[in-house]
N, C-alpha and C. Protein backbone atom coordinates (compact mmCIF):
# COMPACT_ATOMS: atom_id res chain seq x y z
N MET A 1 112.50 -96.67 3.76
CA MET A 1 113.21 -97.59 2.89
C MET A 1 114.69 -97.21 2.86
N ALA A 2 115.56 -98.20 3.04
CA ALA A 2 116.99 -97.96 3.05
C ALA A 2 117.50 -97.65 1.65
N LYS A 3 118.50 -96.76 1.62
CA LYS A 3 119.11 -96.39 0.35
C LYS A 3 119.88 -97.60 -0.21
N LYS A 4 119.69 -97.85 -1.49
CA LYS A 4 120.40 -98.96 -2.13
C LYS A 4 121.86 -98.57 -2.33
N MET A 5 122.74 -99.56 -2.13
CA MET A 5 124.17 -99.33 -2.34
C MET A 5 124.52 -99.43 -3.81
N THR A 6 125.52 -98.67 -4.19
CA THR A 6 126.11 -98.86 -5.51
C THR A 6 127.14 -99.99 -5.40
N LYS A 7 127.57 -100.48 -6.53
CA LYS A 7 128.59 -101.52 -6.52
C LYS A 7 129.86 -101.00 -5.85
N THR A 8 130.25 -99.77 -6.14
CA THR A 8 131.45 -99.18 -5.55
C THR A 8 131.34 -99.11 -4.03
N GLU A 9 130.16 -98.73 -3.54
CA GLU A 9 129.95 -98.69 -2.08
C GLU A 9 130.02 -100.09 -1.49
N TRP A 10 129.40 -101.05 -2.16
CA TRP A 10 129.43 -102.43 -1.67
C TRP A 10 130.86 -102.93 -1.60
N LEU A 11 131.65 -102.67 -2.64
CA LEU A 11 133.05 -103.11 -2.65
C LEU A 11 133.81 -102.53 -1.46
N ALA A 12 133.65 -101.23 -1.20
CA ALA A 12 134.36 -100.59 -0.10
C ALA A 12 133.96 -101.15 1.26
N VAL A 13 132.67 -101.36 1.45
CA VAL A 13 132.17 -101.88 2.73
C VAL A 13 132.62 -103.32 2.97
N ASN A 14 132.83 -104.07 1.89
CA ASN A 14 133.14 -105.49 2.01
C ASN A 14 134.60 -105.85 1.75
N GLY A 15 135.51 -104.87 1.85
CA GLY A 15 136.94 -105.16 1.81
C GLY A 15 137.54 -105.30 0.43
N PHE A 16 136.89 -104.75 -0.61
CA PHE A 16 137.43 -104.78 -1.96
C PHE A 16 137.86 -103.38 -2.36
N SER A 17 138.85 -103.28 -3.24
CA SER A 17 139.24 -101.98 -3.77
C SER A 17 138.19 -101.51 -4.77
N GLU A 18 138.30 -100.27 -5.19
CA GLU A 18 137.35 -99.75 -6.18
C GLU A 18 137.43 -100.51 -7.50
N TYR A 19 138.53 -101.23 -7.71
CA TYR A 19 138.72 -102.02 -8.93
C TYR A 19 138.27 -103.47 -8.75
N GLY A 20 137.70 -103.77 -7.57
CA GLY A 20 137.17 -105.11 -7.33
C GLY A 20 138.20 -106.14 -6.91
N VAL A 21 139.28 -105.69 -6.27
CA VAL A 21 140.33 -106.61 -5.83
C VAL A 21 140.35 -106.66 -4.31
N THR A 22 140.51 -107.86 -3.77
CA THR A 22 140.76 -108.02 -2.34
C THR A 22 141.91 -109.00 -2.19
N TYR A 23 142.57 -108.92 -1.04
CA TYR A 23 143.71 -109.80 -0.77
C TYR A 23 143.35 -110.70 0.41
N LEU A 24 143.26 -111.99 0.13
CA LEU A 24 142.94 -112.97 1.15
C LEU A 24 144.19 -113.30 1.94
N VAL A 25 144.03 -113.52 3.25
CA VAL A 25 145.16 -113.93 4.09
C VAL A 25 145.12 -115.45 4.19
N LEU A 26 146.15 -116.10 3.65
CA LEU A 26 146.26 -117.55 3.72
C LEU A 26 147.20 -117.91 4.86
N GLY A 27 146.95 -119.05 5.47
CA GLY A 27 147.77 -119.50 6.58
C GLY A 27 147.05 -119.30 7.89
N ASN A 28 147.73 -119.59 8.97
CA ASN A 28 147.12 -119.51 10.30
C ASN A 28 147.12 -118.07 10.79
N SER A 29 145.99 -117.40 10.67
CA SER A 29 145.87 -116.00 11.06
C SER A 29 145.22 -115.81 12.42
N TYR A 30 144.95 -116.90 13.13
CA TYR A 30 144.22 -116.78 14.40
C TYR A 30 144.97 -115.90 15.41
N SER A 31 146.28 -116.08 15.52
CA SER A 31 147.04 -115.34 16.53
C SER A 31 147.15 -113.85 16.20
N ILE A 32 146.88 -113.45 14.96
CA ILE A 32 146.98 -112.04 14.57
C ILE A 32 145.62 -111.43 14.22
N LYS A 33 144.54 -112.13 14.57
CA LYS A 33 143.21 -111.67 14.18
C LYS A 33 142.90 -110.27 14.70
N ASP A 34 143.30 -109.95 15.92
CA ASP A 34 143.04 -108.62 16.47
C ASP A 34 143.83 -107.55 15.72
N ASP A 35 145.08 -107.87 15.35
CA ASP A 35 145.90 -106.93 14.58
C ASP A 35 145.30 -106.70 13.19
N LEU A 36 144.80 -107.78 12.58
CA LEU A 36 144.18 -107.65 11.26
C LEU A 36 142.94 -106.75 11.34
N LYS A 37 142.12 -106.98 12.35
CA LYS A 37 140.91 -106.17 12.52
C LYS A 37 141.27 -104.70 12.70
N GLU A 38 142.27 -104.45 13.54
CA GLU A 38 142.71 -103.08 13.80
C GLU A 38 143.27 -102.42 12.52
N ALA A 39 143.88 -103.22 11.66
CA ALA A 39 144.46 -102.70 10.41
C ALA A 39 143.41 -102.52 9.31
N GLY A 40 142.14 -102.82 9.61
CA GLY A 40 141.08 -102.59 8.64
C GLY A 40 140.67 -103.79 7.81
N PHE A 41 141.17 -104.96 8.15
CA PHE A 41 140.78 -106.16 7.42
C PHE A 41 139.35 -106.52 7.78
N LYS A 42 138.66 -107.15 6.84
CA LYS A 42 137.30 -107.65 7.04
C LYS A 42 137.39 -109.16 7.23
N PHE A 43 136.42 -109.72 7.96
CA PHE A 43 136.35 -111.17 8.10
C PHE A 43 134.98 -111.64 7.64
N SER A 44 134.98 -112.69 6.84
CA SER A 44 133.73 -113.35 6.48
C SER A 44 133.99 -114.84 6.47
N PRO A 45 132.98 -115.65 6.76
CA PRO A 45 133.18 -117.10 6.75
C PRO A 45 133.65 -117.60 5.38
N LEU A 46 133.26 -116.92 4.31
CA LEU A 46 133.63 -117.35 2.97
C LEU A 46 135.06 -116.93 2.61
N LEU A 47 135.38 -115.66 2.80
CA LEU A 47 136.68 -115.12 2.39
C LEU A 47 137.69 -115.06 3.53
N ARG A 48 137.25 -115.33 4.73
CA ARG A 48 138.09 -115.23 5.93
C ARG A 48 138.65 -113.81 6.02
N TRP A 49 139.88 -113.63 6.54
CA TRP A 49 140.43 -112.29 6.65
C TRP A 49 140.88 -111.81 5.28
N HIS A 50 140.45 -110.60 4.91
CA HIS A 50 140.83 -110.03 3.62
C HIS A 50 140.77 -108.50 3.70
N CYS A 51 141.44 -107.87 2.76
CA CYS A 51 141.52 -106.40 2.74
C CYS A 51 141.77 -105.93 1.32
N ASP A 52 141.50 -104.65 1.08
CA ASP A 52 141.67 -104.11 -0.27
C ASP A 52 143.12 -103.77 -0.61
N ASN A 53 144.05 -104.01 0.31
CA ASN A 53 145.47 -103.80 0.02
C ASN A 53 146.28 -104.83 0.80
N CYS A 54 147.53 -104.94 0.47
CA CYS A 54 148.39 -105.89 1.19
C CYS A 54 149.56 -105.16 1.82
N ASN A 55 149.26 -104.05 2.51
CA ASN A 55 150.30 -103.24 3.15
C ASN A 55 150.67 -103.74 4.54
N PHE A 56 149.85 -104.60 5.11
CA PHE A 56 150.11 -105.15 6.45
C PHE A 56 151.14 -106.27 6.32
N GLU A 57 152.19 -106.23 7.13
CA GLU A 57 153.23 -107.27 7.06
C GLU A 57 152.74 -108.52 7.81
N LEU A 58 152.59 -109.59 7.07
CA LEU A 58 152.10 -110.85 7.64
C LEU A 58 153.25 -111.62 8.27
N PRO A 59 152.97 -112.39 9.32
CA PRO A 59 154.03 -113.20 9.93
C PRO A 59 154.40 -114.39 9.05
N GLU A 60 155.49 -115.03 9.39
CA GLU A 60 155.93 -116.22 8.67
C GLU A 60 154.82 -117.27 8.72
N GLY A 61 154.58 -117.93 7.59
CA GLY A 61 153.53 -118.94 7.50
C GLY A 61 152.22 -118.40 6.95
N CYS A 62 152.13 -117.07 6.80
CA CYS A 62 150.94 -116.46 6.20
C CYS A 62 151.36 -115.77 4.90
N GLU A 63 150.42 -115.65 3.98
CA GLU A 63 150.68 -114.97 2.72
C GLU A 63 149.38 -114.41 2.16
N TYR A 64 149.53 -113.50 1.20
CA TYR A 64 148.38 -112.91 0.53
C TYR A 64 148.08 -113.67 -0.76
N LYS A 65 146.79 -113.72 -1.10
CA LYS A 65 146.35 -114.25 -2.39
C LYS A 65 145.33 -113.26 -2.94
N GLU A 66 145.61 -112.73 -4.13
CA GLU A 66 144.72 -111.76 -4.77
C GLU A 66 143.47 -112.45 -5.29
N LEU A 67 142.32 -111.83 -5.06
CA LEU A 67 141.05 -112.34 -5.57
C LEU A 67 140.30 -111.20 -6.21
N HIS A 68 139.79 -111.43 -7.42
CA HIS A 68 139.01 -110.42 -8.14
C HIS A 68 137.52 -110.70 -7.96
N TYR A 69 136.78 -109.65 -7.69
CA TYR A 69 135.34 -109.73 -7.49
C TYR A 69 134.67 -110.52 -8.61
N GLU A 70 135.00 -110.20 -9.86
CA GLU A 70 134.34 -110.82 -11.01
C GLU A 70 134.61 -112.32 -11.12
N ASP A 71 135.65 -112.81 -10.46
CA ASP A 71 135.95 -114.24 -10.52
C ASP A 71 134.93 -115.08 -9.73
N VAL A 72 134.31 -114.46 -8.73
CA VAL A 72 133.41 -115.25 -7.87
C VAL A 72 132.04 -114.63 -7.65
N PHE A 73 131.88 -113.33 -8.00
CA PHE A 73 130.61 -112.64 -7.74
C PHE A 73 130.04 -112.02 -9.00
N ILE A 74 128.74 -111.74 -8.94
CA ILE A 74 128.02 -111.02 -9.99
C ILE A 74 127.26 -109.88 -9.31
N TRP A 75 127.34 -108.68 -9.87
CA TRP A 75 126.58 -107.55 -9.35
C TRP A 75 125.28 -107.42 -10.14
N ASP A 76 124.16 -107.35 -9.43
CA ASP A 76 122.87 -107.18 -10.08
C ASP A 76 122.46 -105.72 -9.95
N GLU A 77 122.45 -105.00 -11.07
CA GLU A 77 122.12 -103.57 -11.08
C GLU A 77 120.69 -103.29 -10.65
N GLU A 78 119.79 -104.19 -10.95
CA GLU A 78 118.38 -103.97 -10.62
C GLU A 78 118.14 -104.02 -9.11
N SER A 79 118.69 -105.02 -8.46
CA SER A 79 118.46 -105.17 -7.01
C SER A 79 119.57 -104.59 -6.15
N HIS A 80 120.66 -104.13 -6.80
CA HIS A 80 121.83 -103.59 -6.08
C HIS A 80 122.35 -104.60 -5.06
N THR A 81 122.51 -105.82 -5.54
CA THR A 81 122.92 -106.92 -4.68
C THR A 81 124.00 -107.73 -5.38
N THR A 82 124.85 -108.33 -4.57
CA THR A 82 125.88 -109.22 -5.08
C THR A 82 125.39 -110.66 -4.96
N PHE A 83 125.63 -111.43 -6.01
CA PHE A 83 125.34 -112.87 -6.00
C PHE A 83 126.62 -113.64 -6.28
N MET A 84 126.72 -114.83 -5.70
CA MET A 84 127.88 -115.68 -5.97
C MET A 84 127.66 -116.42 -7.27
N LYS A 85 128.73 -116.52 -8.04
CA LYS A 85 128.67 -117.31 -9.26
C LYS A 85 128.62 -118.79 -8.90
N GLU A 86 128.10 -119.58 -9.81
CA GLU A 86 128.08 -121.02 -9.61
C GLU A 86 129.54 -121.51 -9.50
N GLY A 87 129.80 -122.32 -8.49
CA GLY A 87 131.14 -122.86 -8.28
C GLY A 87 132.07 -121.93 -7.50
N ALA A 88 131.56 -120.77 -7.06
CA ALA A 88 132.41 -119.80 -6.35
C ALA A 88 132.94 -120.35 -5.03
N ARG A 89 132.07 -121.02 -4.27
CA ARG A 89 132.52 -121.58 -2.98
C ARG A 89 133.66 -122.57 -3.20
N GLU A 90 133.52 -123.42 -4.19
CA GLU A 90 134.55 -124.41 -4.47
C GLU A 90 135.85 -123.73 -4.90
N LYS A 91 135.74 -122.68 -5.70
CA LYS A 91 136.92 -121.95 -6.16
C LYS A 91 137.65 -121.32 -4.98
N ILE A 92 136.89 -120.71 -4.07
CA ILE A 92 137.50 -120.08 -2.90
C ILE A 92 138.09 -121.14 -1.97
N ASP A 93 137.38 -122.25 -1.80
CA ASP A 93 137.90 -123.34 -0.96
C ASP A 93 139.23 -123.86 -1.50
N LEU A 94 139.37 -123.92 -2.82
CA LEU A 94 140.63 -124.38 -3.41
C LEU A 94 141.78 -123.40 -3.17
N ILE A 95 141.46 -122.12 -3.02
CA ILE A 95 142.49 -121.13 -2.70
C ILE A 95 143.05 -121.42 -1.31
N PHE A 96 142.16 -121.68 -0.36
CA PHE A 96 142.60 -121.93 1.01
C PHE A 96 143.12 -123.35 1.21
N ASN A 97 142.62 -124.29 0.44
CA ASN A 97 143.00 -125.70 0.57
C ASN A 97 143.28 -126.30 -0.79
N PRO A 98 144.41 -125.94 -1.39
CA PRO A 98 144.69 -126.44 -2.74
C PRO A 98 144.89 -127.96 -2.73
N ILE A 99 144.47 -128.58 -3.82
CA ILE A 99 144.71 -130.02 -3.98
C ILE A 99 146.16 -130.19 -4.38
N VAL A 100 146.85 -131.03 -3.65
CA VAL A 100 148.25 -131.29 -3.95
C VAL A 100 148.41 -132.76 -4.32
N GLU A 101 149.35 -133.00 -5.21
CA GLU A 101 149.66 -134.38 -5.55
C GLU A 101 150.30 -135.03 -4.33
N SER A 102 149.89 -136.23 -4.02
CA SER A 102 150.41 -136.90 -2.84
C SER A 102 150.48 -138.40 -3.06
N ASN A 103 151.53 -138.98 -2.52
CA ASN A 103 151.69 -140.43 -2.52
C ASN A 103 151.37 -141.00 -1.14
N SER A 104 150.74 -140.20 -0.31
CA SER A 104 150.44 -140.60 1.06
C SER A 104 149.59 -141.86 1.11
N GLN A 105 149.90 -142.70 2.06
CA GLN A 105 149.14 -143.93 2.32
C GLN A 105 148.71 -143.92 3.79
N PHE A 106 147.67 -144.67 4.12
CA PHE A 106 147.28 -144.81 5.51
C PHE A 106 148.37 -145.57 6.26
N VAL A 107 148.58 -145.17 7.51
CA VAL A 107 149.61 -145.80 8.33
C VAL A 107 148.96 -146.50 9.51
N GLY A 108 149.38 -147.73 9.81
CA GLY A 108 148.96 -148.45 11.00
C GLY A 108 147.48 -148.81 11.04
N GLU A 109 147.06 -149.24 12.22
CA GLU A 109 145.67 -149.66 12.48
C GLU A 109 145.02 -148.68 13.46
N ILE A 110 143.72 -148.49 13.31
CA ILE A 110 142.97 -147.61 14.23
C ILE A 110 143.19 -148.12 15.66
N GLY A 111 143.52 -147.18 16.56
CA GLY A 111 143.77 -147.52 17.95
C GLY A 111 145.23 -147.79 18.26
N GLU A 112 146.04 -148.00 17.25
CA GLU A 112 147.46 -148.27 17.45
C GLU A 112 148.19 -146.99 17.87
N ARG A 113 149.14 -147.13 18.79
CA ARG A 113 149.95 -146.01 19.25
C ARG A 113 151.24 -145.97 18.42
N LEU A 114 151.43 -144.89 17.68
CA LEU A 114 152.66 -144.69 16.93
C LEU A 114 153.62 -143.92 17.82
N ARG A 115 154.87 -144.35 17.87
CA ARG A 115 155.83 -143.72 18.79
C ARG A 115 157.06 -143.19 18.06
N ASP A 116 157.41 -141.96 18.43
CA ASP A 116 158.67 -141.34 18.01
C ASP A 116 158.89 -141.37 16.50
N ILE A 117 157.91 -140.88 15.75
CA ILE A 117 158.00 -140.84 14.30
C ILE A 117 158.55 -139.47 13.87
N PRO A 118 159.69 -139.43 13.17
CA PRO A 118 160.19 -138.14 12.68
C PRO A 118 159.25 -137.59 11.61
N MET A 119 158.82 -136.34 11.76
CA MET A 119 157.90 -135.72 10.83
C MET A 119 158.27 -134.26 10.62
N THR A 120 157.69 -133.69 9.56
CA THR A 120 157.83 -132.27 9.28
C THR A 120 156.44 -131.65 9.32
N VAL A 121 156.34 -130.49 9.97
CA VAL A 121 155.06 -129.77 10.03
C VAL A 121 154.79 -129.17 8.65
N ARG A 122 153.66 -129.54 8.04
CA ARG A 122 153.32 -129.07 6.69
C ARG A 122 152.29 -127.95 6.69
N ASN A 123 151.40 -127.94 7.69
CA ASN A 123 150.37 -126.90 7.71
C ASN A 123 149.85 -126.75 9.13
N ILE A 124 149.46 -125.53 9.48
CA ILE A 124 148.81 -125.25 10.76
C ILE A 124 147.59 -124.39 10.45
N GLY A 125 146.44 -124.85 10.88
CA GLY A 125 145.21 -124.10 10.66
C GLY A 125 144.32 -124.25 11.88
N GLY A 126 143.07 -123.94 11.71
CA GLY A 126 142.15 -124.10 12.82
C GLY A 126 140.79 -123.48 12.54
N PHE A 127 139.90 -123.64 13.52
CA PHE A 127 138.54 -123.13 13.38
C PHE A 127 137.91 -123.06 14.76
N ASN A 128 136.86 -122.25 14.88
CA ASN A 128 136.12 -122.17 16.13
C ASN A 128 135.19 -123.37 16.23
N SER A 129 135.16 -123.98 17.40
CA SER A 129 134.29 -125.14 17.61
C SER A 129 133.50 -124.94 18.90
N ALA A 130 132.62 -125.88 19.19
CA ALA A 130 131.83 -125.82 20.42
C ALA A 130 132.73 -125.92 21.66
N TYR A 131 133.95 -126.39 21.48
CA TYR A 131 134.89 -126.58 22.60
C TYR A 131 135.99 -125.53 22.60
N GLY A 132 135.78 -124.43 21.89
CA GLY A 132 136.80 -123.39 21.78
C GLY A 132 137.53 -123.52 20.46
N TYR A 133 138.65 -122.81 20.34
CA TYR A 133 139.39 -122.85 19.09
C TYR A 133 140.05 -124.21 18.93
N LYS A 134 139.90 -124.80 17.76
CA LYS A 134 140.45 -126.12 17.46
C LYS A 134 141.60 -125.93 16.49
N TRP A 135 142.80 -126.31 16.91
CA TRP A 135 143.98 -126.25 16.06
C TRP A 135 144.04 -127.51 15.21
N VAL A 136 144.47 -127.35 13.95
CA VAL A 136 144.64 -128.49 13.05
C VAL A 136 146.09 -128.48 12.57
N TYR A 137 146.85 -129.48 13.00
CA TYR A 137 148.24 -129.61 12.62
C TYR A 137 148.36 -130.73 11.59
N THR A 138 149.06 -130.46 10.50
CA THR A 138 149.28 -131.47 9.47
C THR A 138 150.78 -131.74 9.38
N PHE A 139 151.12 -133.02 9.39
CA PHE A 139 152.52 -133.46 9.36
C PHE A 139 152.73 -134.38 8.17
N GLU A 140 154.00 -134.56 7.81
CA GLU A 140 154.37 -135.51 6.77
C GLU A 140 155.62 -136.26 7.23
N ASP A 141 155.61 -137.59 7.07
CA ASP A 141 156.80 -138.37 7.44
C ASP A 141 157.75 -138.47 6.26
N LYS A 142 158.89 -139.11 6.45
CA LYS A 142 159.92 -139.19 5.40
C LYS A 142 159.45 -139.94 4.16
N ASP A 143 158.41 -140.78 4.30
CA ASP A 143 157.88 -141.53 3.16
C ASP A 143 156.76 -140.77 2.43
N GLY A 144 156.46 -139.56 2.88
CA GLY A 144 155.42 -138.76 2.23
C GLY A 144 154.02 -139.02 2.75
N ASN A 145 153.90 -139.81 3.82
CA ASN A 145 152.58 -140.07 4.41
C ASN A 145 152.13 -138.87 5.23
N VAL A 146 150.85 -138.53 5.12
CA VAL A 146 150.30 -137.34 5.75
C VAL A 146 149.51 -137.73 7.01
N TYR A 147 149.70 -136.93 8.07
CA TYR A 147 149.03 -137.14 9.36
C TYR A 147 148.38 -135.82 9.75
N SER A 148 147.25 -135.90 10.46
CA SER A 148 146.63 -134.69 10.99
C SER A 148 146.28 -134.89 12.45
N TRP A 149 146.26 -133.79 13.18
CA TRP A 149 145.93 -133.80 14.60
C TRP A 149 145.06 -132.59 14.90
N PHE A 150 143.85 -132.82 15.41
CA PHE A 150 142.93 -131.77 15.82
C PHE A 150 143.02 -131.68 17.34
N THR A 151 143.31 -130.48 17.86
CA THR A 151 143.47 -130.31 19.29
C THR A 151 143.07 -128.90 19.71
N THR A 152 142.70 -128.73 20.97
CA THR A 152 142.39 -127.40 21.48
C THR A 152 143.63 -126.74 22.09
N SER A 153 144.76 -127.45 22.12
CA SER A 153 145.97 -126.87 22.70
C SER A 153 146.92 -126.42 21.60
N GLN A 154 147.34 -125.16 21.69
CA GLN A 154 148.28 -124.61 20.71
C GLN A 154 149.67 -125.16 21.00
N GLN A 155 150.37 -125.56 19.95
CA GLN A 155 151.70 -126.14 20.09
C GLN A 155 152.76 -125.11 19.66
N ALA A 156 153.94 -125.23 20.24
CA ALA A 156 155.05 -124.32 19.92
C ALA A 156 155.82 -124.85 18.72
N ILE A 157 155.11 -124.99 17.59
CA ILE A 157 155.72 -125.47 16.36
C ILE A 157 155.30 -124.55 15.22
N SER A 158 156.04 -124.60 14.12
CA SER A 158 155.69 -123.78 12.96
C SER A 158 155.87 -124.60 11.69
N VAL A 159 155.29 -124.12 10.61
CA VAL A 159 155.36 -124.81 9.33
C VAL A 159 156.82 -124.95 8.90
N GLY A 160 157.18 -126.15 8.45
CA GLY A 160 158.54 -126.44 8.02
C GLY A 160 159.43 -127.01 9.09
N MET A 161 158.97 -126.98 10.33
CA MET A 161 159.76 -127.46 11.45
C MET A 161 159.77 -128.99 11.49
N ASP A 162 160.94 -129.56 11.79
CA ASP A 162 161.05 -131.00 11.99
C ASP A 162 160.78 -131.31 13.46
N CYS A 163 160.10 -132.42 13.70
CA CYS A 163 159.77 -132.79 15.07
C CYS A 163 159.59 -134.31 15.16
N ILE A 164 159.46 -134.79 16.38
CA ILE A 164 159.19 -136.20 16.65
C ILE A 164 157.78 -136.28 17.20
N VAL A 165 156.94 -137.13 16.59
CA VAL A 165 155.53 -137.21 16.97
C VAL A 165 155.20 -138.60 17.50
N THR A 166 154.50 -138.60 18.64
CA THR A 166 153.92 -139.82 19.19
C THR A 166 152.43 -139.56 19.28
N GLY A 167 151.61 -140.51 18.79
CA GLY A 167 150.17 -140.31 18.84
C GLY A 167 149.42 -141.59 18.55
N THR A 168 148.15 -141.61 18.89
CA THR A 168 147.29 -142.77 18.67
C THR A 168 146.48 -142.55 17.39
N ILE A 169 146.40 -143.58 16.56
CA ILE A 169 145.65 -143.47 15.30
C ILE A 169 144.16 -143.46 15.63
N LYS A 170 143.52 -142.36 15.26
CA LYS A 170 142.09 -142.17 15.50
C LYS A 170 141.25 -142.63 14.31
N ALA A 171 141.74 -142.32 13.09
CA ALA A 171 140.96 -142.64 11.89
C ALA A 171 141.85 -142.57 10.66
N HIS A 172 141.37 -143.20 9.61
CA HIS A 172 141.96 -143.07 8.27
C HIS A 172 140.93 -142.36 7.41
N VAL A 173 141.29 -141.20 6.86
CA VAL A 173 140.35 -140.44 6.05
C VAL A 173 141.01 -140.02 4.74
N GLU A 174 140.19 -139.88 3.73
CA GLU A 174 140.67 -139.32 2.47
C GLU A 174 140.14 -137.90 2.41
N TYR A 175 141.04 -136.93 2.41
CA TYR A 175 140.66 -135.52 2.36
C TYR A 175 141.33 -134.88 1.16
N ARG A 176 140.53 -134.37 0.23
CA ARG A 176 141.03 -133.70 -0.96
C ARG A 176 142.02 -134.59 -1.72
N LYS A 177 141.64 -135.86 -1.85
CA LYS A 177 142.40 -136.87 -2.59
C LYS A 177 143.73 -137.23 -1.94
N VAL A 178 143.86 -136.94 -0.65
CA VAL A 178 145.08 -137.30 0.10
C VAL A 178 144.68 -138.26 1.21
N PHE A 179 145.29 -139.44 1.24
CA PHE A 179 145.06 -140.40 2.32
C PHE A 179 145.75 -139.86 3.57
N THR A 180 144.96 -139.60 4.61
CA THR A 180 145.48 -138.96 5.82
C THR A 180 145.20 -139.84 7.04
N THR A 181 146.23 -140.02 7.85
CA THR A 181 146.09 -140.75 9.11
C THR A 181 145.85 -139.72 10.20
N GLN A 182 144.64 -139.75 10.79
CA GLN A 182 144.32 -138.81 11.87
C GLN A 182 144.81 -139.36 13.19
N LEU A 183 145.44 -138.49 13.96
CA LEU A 183 145.99 -138.88 15.27
C LEU A 183 145.26 -138.13 16.38
N ASN A 184 145.33 -138.68 17.58
CA ASN A 184 144.91 -137.94 18.77
C ASN A 184 145.89 -138.25 19.89
N ARG A 185 145.72 -137.57 21.02
CA ARG A 185 146.62 -137.71 22.19
C ARG A 185 148.09 -137.67 21.78
N CYS A 186 148.42 -136.62 21.02
CA CYS A 186 149.79 -136.51 20.51
C CYS A 186 150.75 -135.85 21.49
N LYS A 187 151.98 -136.22 21.35
CA LYS A 187 153.10 -135.61 22.07
C LYS A 187 154.09 -135.20 20.99
N ILE A 188 154.48 -133.93 21.00
CA ILE A 188 155.38 -133.39 19.99
C ILE A 188 156.71 -133.01 20.67
N ILE A 189 157.80 -133.49 20.11
CA ILE A 189 159.12 -133.14 20.62
C ILE A 189 159.87 -132.41 19.50
N THR A 190 160.41 -131.24 19.82
CA THR A 190 161.21 -130.47 18.86
C THR A 190 162.65 -130.42 19.37
N ASP A 191 163.56 -130.10 18.48
CA ASP A 191 164.99 -130.02 18.87
C ASP A 191 165.24 -128.90 19.83
């Protein structure tokens, strides 16, 4: 029979300090994942990259967010196991994807090719898919309309950068209360 862990041992093994604090890495951490692993960060599908301290210097576009164990987990002394509190997944999801006020509207018609639209890069993220790593670029035009592009090709752009976007409207979706025009077959031009 395996020895049961104490809460302190569980915290240490799972990237929390002895006081139950971990620091989540927000932003696009894909390009630094090997550095994070080498620096002692833990990865989980729920918390993504996190560590019990924030001594690692993150690149531009990434930041730390402090999370306390008690905010999302419960320790059961009898079974020596951690359980998630009700609503914990939603709380963590809001940390990574906060709801923002937006006046965004859908643009154009599905299948229409939008050409040379000045936009600002608002977010860069991604996830592993059956086709390899999928980059998710989010843009905003001068009217506050939000666009997204899912692609397997990494672009030489960063958050806050102004660019000119040409792309075909793939879909109109409402994501986290924001009307978003999804694009595909995009061409990005930067200064």
